[in-house]
Amino acid sequence: MSKVILVDGNNLFHAAWHTTKGLTDSRGRPTGPAVTFLTQLAGIRKSLKLTDVFLVAWDKHPEWRTLVYSGYKGNRERDKGDSDFNWAKELLLEALPEMGVNQITGYYDKDGKTYGLEADDIASIYAHGGFADYLLSSDKDWLQLVGIRNTVKVYRQIQKTLVETREQFEESTGYATAEIFRKAK
């Protein structure tokens, strides 16, 4: 059975956006981020010699996190209001299925309300459930999932490093365990 390579779509797309948003087609539309995203997926597959299935996880607005902590991600720049950003992401969202890459977003219901999940939440569900052996993100939070079931590995695409063991987790974060890492945040 093929294993899933779960990709942090938001993380990879934002990295591509901020490095290649100036690359446009002949009509001035920002095609660079989508091309860069797809090129990175191909490069990762080749460098890690993977033949498994890619699944790209996307954030939905994490209402439940903002209910718990009103300042959640409040200090981050927002690209979502940028029409070029939205156009480039839409281009990618349409291209991925054409290339055989599946995508996932998550929701859950509680007390009659529907809440969005982040890609981080989906990664945790997939790692703990045994559905993914490789997680692709440069988000340090994903490193908490290294070694779950002794199989989960996190590839940090920007750093071009594969974190497979608890020892590598400590080298990458400076913390001995995921529990200490979470408490320090």
Protein backbone atom coordinates (compact mmCIF):
# COMPACT_ATOMS: atom_id res chain seq x y z
CA MET A 1 0.00 0.00 0.00
CA SER A 2 1.31 3.45 -0.90
CA LYS A 3 1.96 5.82 1.95
CA VAL A 4 0.90 9.44 1.87
CA ILE A 5 3.40 12.26 1.70
CA LEU A 6 1.50 15.03 3.45
CA VAL A 7 2.51 18.51 2.29
CA ASP A 8 1.89 21.73 4.21
CA GLY A 9 0.30 23.56 1.27
CA ASN A 10 0.13 26.94 2.98
CA ASN A 11 3.74 26.83 4.09
CA LEU A 12 5.09 25.75 0.72
CA PHE A 13 2.88 28.19 -1.20
CA HIS A 14 3.80 31.17 1.01
CA ALA A 15 7.50 30.38 0.55
CA ALA A 16 6.98 30.18 -3.22
CA TRP A 17 4.91 33.39 -3.22
CA HIS A 18 7.47 35.45 -1.34
CA THR A 19 10.36 34.28 -3.52
CA THR A 20 8.76 34.26 -6.99
CA LYS A 21 5.69 36.52 -7.00
CA GLY A 22 7.48 38.76 -9.50
CA LEU A 23 7.61 35.96 -12.10
CA THR A 24 4.65 36.49 -14.42
CA ASP A 25 3.21 35.25 -17.68
CA SER A 26 2.95 37.44 -20.79
CA ARG A 27 -0.23 39.05 -19.39
CA GLY A 28 1.45 40.02 -16.11
CA ARG A 29 -0.24 37.35 -13.99
CA PRO A 30 1.91 35.87 -11.16
CA THR A 31 2.48 32.30 -12.35
CA GLY A 32 5.85 31.96 -10.60
CA PRO A 33 4.52 30.77 -7.22
CA ALA A 34 2.45 27.92 -8.71
CA VAL A 35 5.31 26.80 -10.96
CA THR A 36 7.74 26.99 -8.04
CA PHE A 37 5.39 24.99 -5.79
CA LEU A 38 5.07 22.22 -8.39
CA THR A 39 8.80 22.25 -9.12
CA GLN A 40 9.54 21.90 -5.41
CA LEU A 41 7.21 18.89 -5.13
CA ALA A 42 8.97 17.22 -8.06
CA GLY A 43 12.39 18.02 -6.61
CA ILE A 44 11.46 16.67 -3.18
CA ARG A 45 10.12 13.47 -4.71
CA LYS A 46 13.33 13.02 -6.68
CA SER A 47 15.77 13.89 -3.87
CA LEU A 48 14.05 11.61 -1.34
CA LYS A 49 13.46 8.91 -3.99
CA LEU A 50 9.76 8.78 -3.12
CA THR A 51 7.12 7.02 -5.18
CA ASP A 52 4.27 7.50 -2.75
CA VAL A 53 1.21 9.68 -3.11
CA PHE A 54 1.31 13.43 -2.42
CA LEU A 55 -1.57 14.93 -0.45
CA VAL A 56 -1.54 18.71 0.00
CA ALA A 57 -3.15 19.97 3.21
CA TRP A 58 -4.57 23.49 3.29
CA ASP A 59 -5.64 25.62 6.26
CA LYS A 60 -9.19 26.62 6.84
CA HIS A 61 -9.70 29.53 9.18
CA PRO A 62 -8.83 28.14 12.62
CA GLU A 63 -11.76 29.66 14.49
CA TRP A 64 -11.30 27.31 17.41
CA ARG A 65 -7.75 28.57 17.97
CA THR A 66 -8.81 32.20 17.92
CA LEU A 67 -11.57 31.40 20.43
CA VAL A 68 -8.94 30.02 22.80
CA TYR A 69 -6.39 32.77 22.09
CA SER A 70 -7.73 35.93 20.46
CA GLY A 71 -4.26 37.04 19.30
CA TYR A 72 -3.57 33.81 17.42
CA LYS A 73 -1.38 34.68 14.42
CA GLY A 74 -2.26 38.33 14.97
CA ASN A 75 1.28 39.48 14.23
CA ARG A 76 1.46 37.91 10.77
CA GLU A 77 1.33 39.71 7.48
CA ARG A 78 -1.74 38.82 5.48
CA ASP A 79 -1.49 38.20 1.76
CA LYS A 80 -5.08 37.01 1.38
CA GLY A 81 -6.39 40.47 0.48
CA ASP A 82 -3.91 40.68 -2.38
CA SER A 83 -5.69 39.83 -5.64
CA ASP A 84 -2.45 38.59 -7.24
CA PHE A 85 -1.87 36.25 -4.28
CA ASN A 86 -5.42 34.92 -4.55
CA TRP A 87 -5.13 34.46 -8.33
CA ALA A 88 -1.82 32.59 -8.01
CA LYS A 89 -3.17 30.30 -5.29
CA GLU A 90 -6.32 29.60 -7.31
CA LEU A 91 -4.13 28.68 -10.29
CA LEU A 92 -2.28 26.19 -8.11
CA LEU A 93 -5.47 24.76 -6.57
CA GLU A 94 -6.77 24.07 -10.08
CA ALA A 95 -3.45 22.66 -11.36
CA LEU A 96 -2.81 20.14 -8.58
CA PRO A 97 -5.70 17.76 -9.42
CA GLU A 98 -4.75 17.93 -13.11
CA MET A 99 -1.33 16.62 -12.08
CA GLY A 100 -2.79 13.83 -9.95
CA VAL A 101 -2.12 15.56 -6.62
CA ASN A 102 -4.97 15.35 -4.12
CA GLN A 103 -5.79 18.09 -1.64
CA ILE A 104 -7.43 18.14 1.76
CA THR A 105 -8.91 20.70 4.13
CA GLY A 106 -10.47 19.85 7.44
CA TYR A 107 -13.47 20.78 9.52
CA TYR A 108 -15.05 19.47 12.66
CA ASP A 109 -18.39 20.05 14.29
CA LYS A 110 -18.89 20.77 17.96
CA ASP A 111 -22.04 21.94 19.68
CA GLY A 112 -23.73 22.56 16.35
CA LYS A 113 -20.90 24.77 15.05
CA THR A 114 -18.40 23.98 12.30
CA TYR A 115 -14.77 24.89 12.88
CA GLY A 116 -11.88 24.92 10.42
CA LEU A 117 -8.69 22.97 10.92
CA GLU A 118 -5.18 24.04 10.00
CA ALA A 119 -2.79 21.91 7.99
CA ASP A 120 -0.93 21.34 11.30
CA ASP A 121 -4.04 19.66 12.73
CA ILE A 122 -4.43 17.49 9.64
CA ALA A 123 -0.74 16.50 9.84
CA SER A 124 -1.17 15.40 13.44
CA ILE A 125 -4.25 13.34 12.60
CA TYR A 126 -2.47 11.67 9.68
CA ALA A 127 0.73 11.02 11.65
CA HIS A 128 -1.04 9.57 14.70
CA GLY A 129 -3.45 7.57 12.53
CA GLY A 130 -0.68 5.93 10.52
CA PHE A 131 -1.71 7.49 7.22
CA ALA A 132 1.48 9.43 6.47
CA ASP A 133 5.13 8.59 6.88
CA TYR A 134 6.51 11.79 5.38
CA LEU A 135 5.40 15.30 6.31
CA LEU A 136 6.73 18.17 4.20
CA SER A 137 6.92 21.59 5.85
CA SER A 138 9.50 24.09 7.01
CA ASP A 139 7.17 24.92 9.93
CA LYS A 140 9.00 23.94 13.13
CA ASP A 141 5.69 22.95 14.73
CA TRP A 142 5.55 19.94 12.43
CA LEU A 143 8.77 18.62 13.97
CA GLN A 144 6.74 17.61 17.04
CA LEU A 145 5.44 14.74 14.93
CA VAL A 146 8.86 13.19 14.22
CA GLY A 147 9.10 9.61 15.40
CA ILE A 148 5.39 9.01 16.02
CA ARG A 149 4.91 5.28 15.52
CA ASN A 150 8.70 5.33 14.90
CA THR A 151 8.05 6.08 11.24
CA VAL A 152 7.07 9.73 10.78
CA LYS A 153 9.73 11.89 9.14
CA VAL A 154 9.55 15.63 8.48
CA TYR A 155 11.27 17.09 5.43
CA ARG A 156 11.99 20.79 5.82
CA GLN A 157 12.06 21.97 2.21
CA ILE A 158 13.62 25.38 2.77
CA GLN A 159 16.41 23.91 4.90
CA LYS A 160 16.59 20.80 2.69
CA THR A 161 16.84 18.56 5.74
CA LEU A 162 15.07 15.35 6.65
CA VAL A 163 14.37 14.98 10.36
CA GLU A 164 13.80 11.31 11.15
CA THR A 165 14.84 10.76 14.76
CA ARG A 166 14.42 12.36 18.17
CA GLU A 167 18.14 13.21 18.12
CA GLN A 168 17.67 15.17 14.89
CA PHE A 169 14.60 16.81 16.46
CA GLU A 170 16.81 18.11 19.26
CA GLU A 171 19.43 19.34 16.77
CA SER A 172 16.75 21.16 14.73
CA THR A 173 14.86 22.76 17.63
CA GLY A 174 17.28 22.91 20.54
CA TYR A 175 14.78 20.98 22.70
CA ALA A 176 15.15 17.40 23.88
CA THR A 177 11.50 16.43 23.43
CA ALA A 178 8.37 17.61 21.66
CA GLU A 179 6.74 18.14 25.05
CA ILE A 180 9.47 20.59 26.16
CA PHE A 181 9.30 22.29 22.73
CA ARG A 182 5.51 22.81 23.03
CA LYS A 183 5.79 24.20 26.58
CA ALA A 184 8.50 26.66 25.48
CA LYS A 185 6.26 28.12 22.79
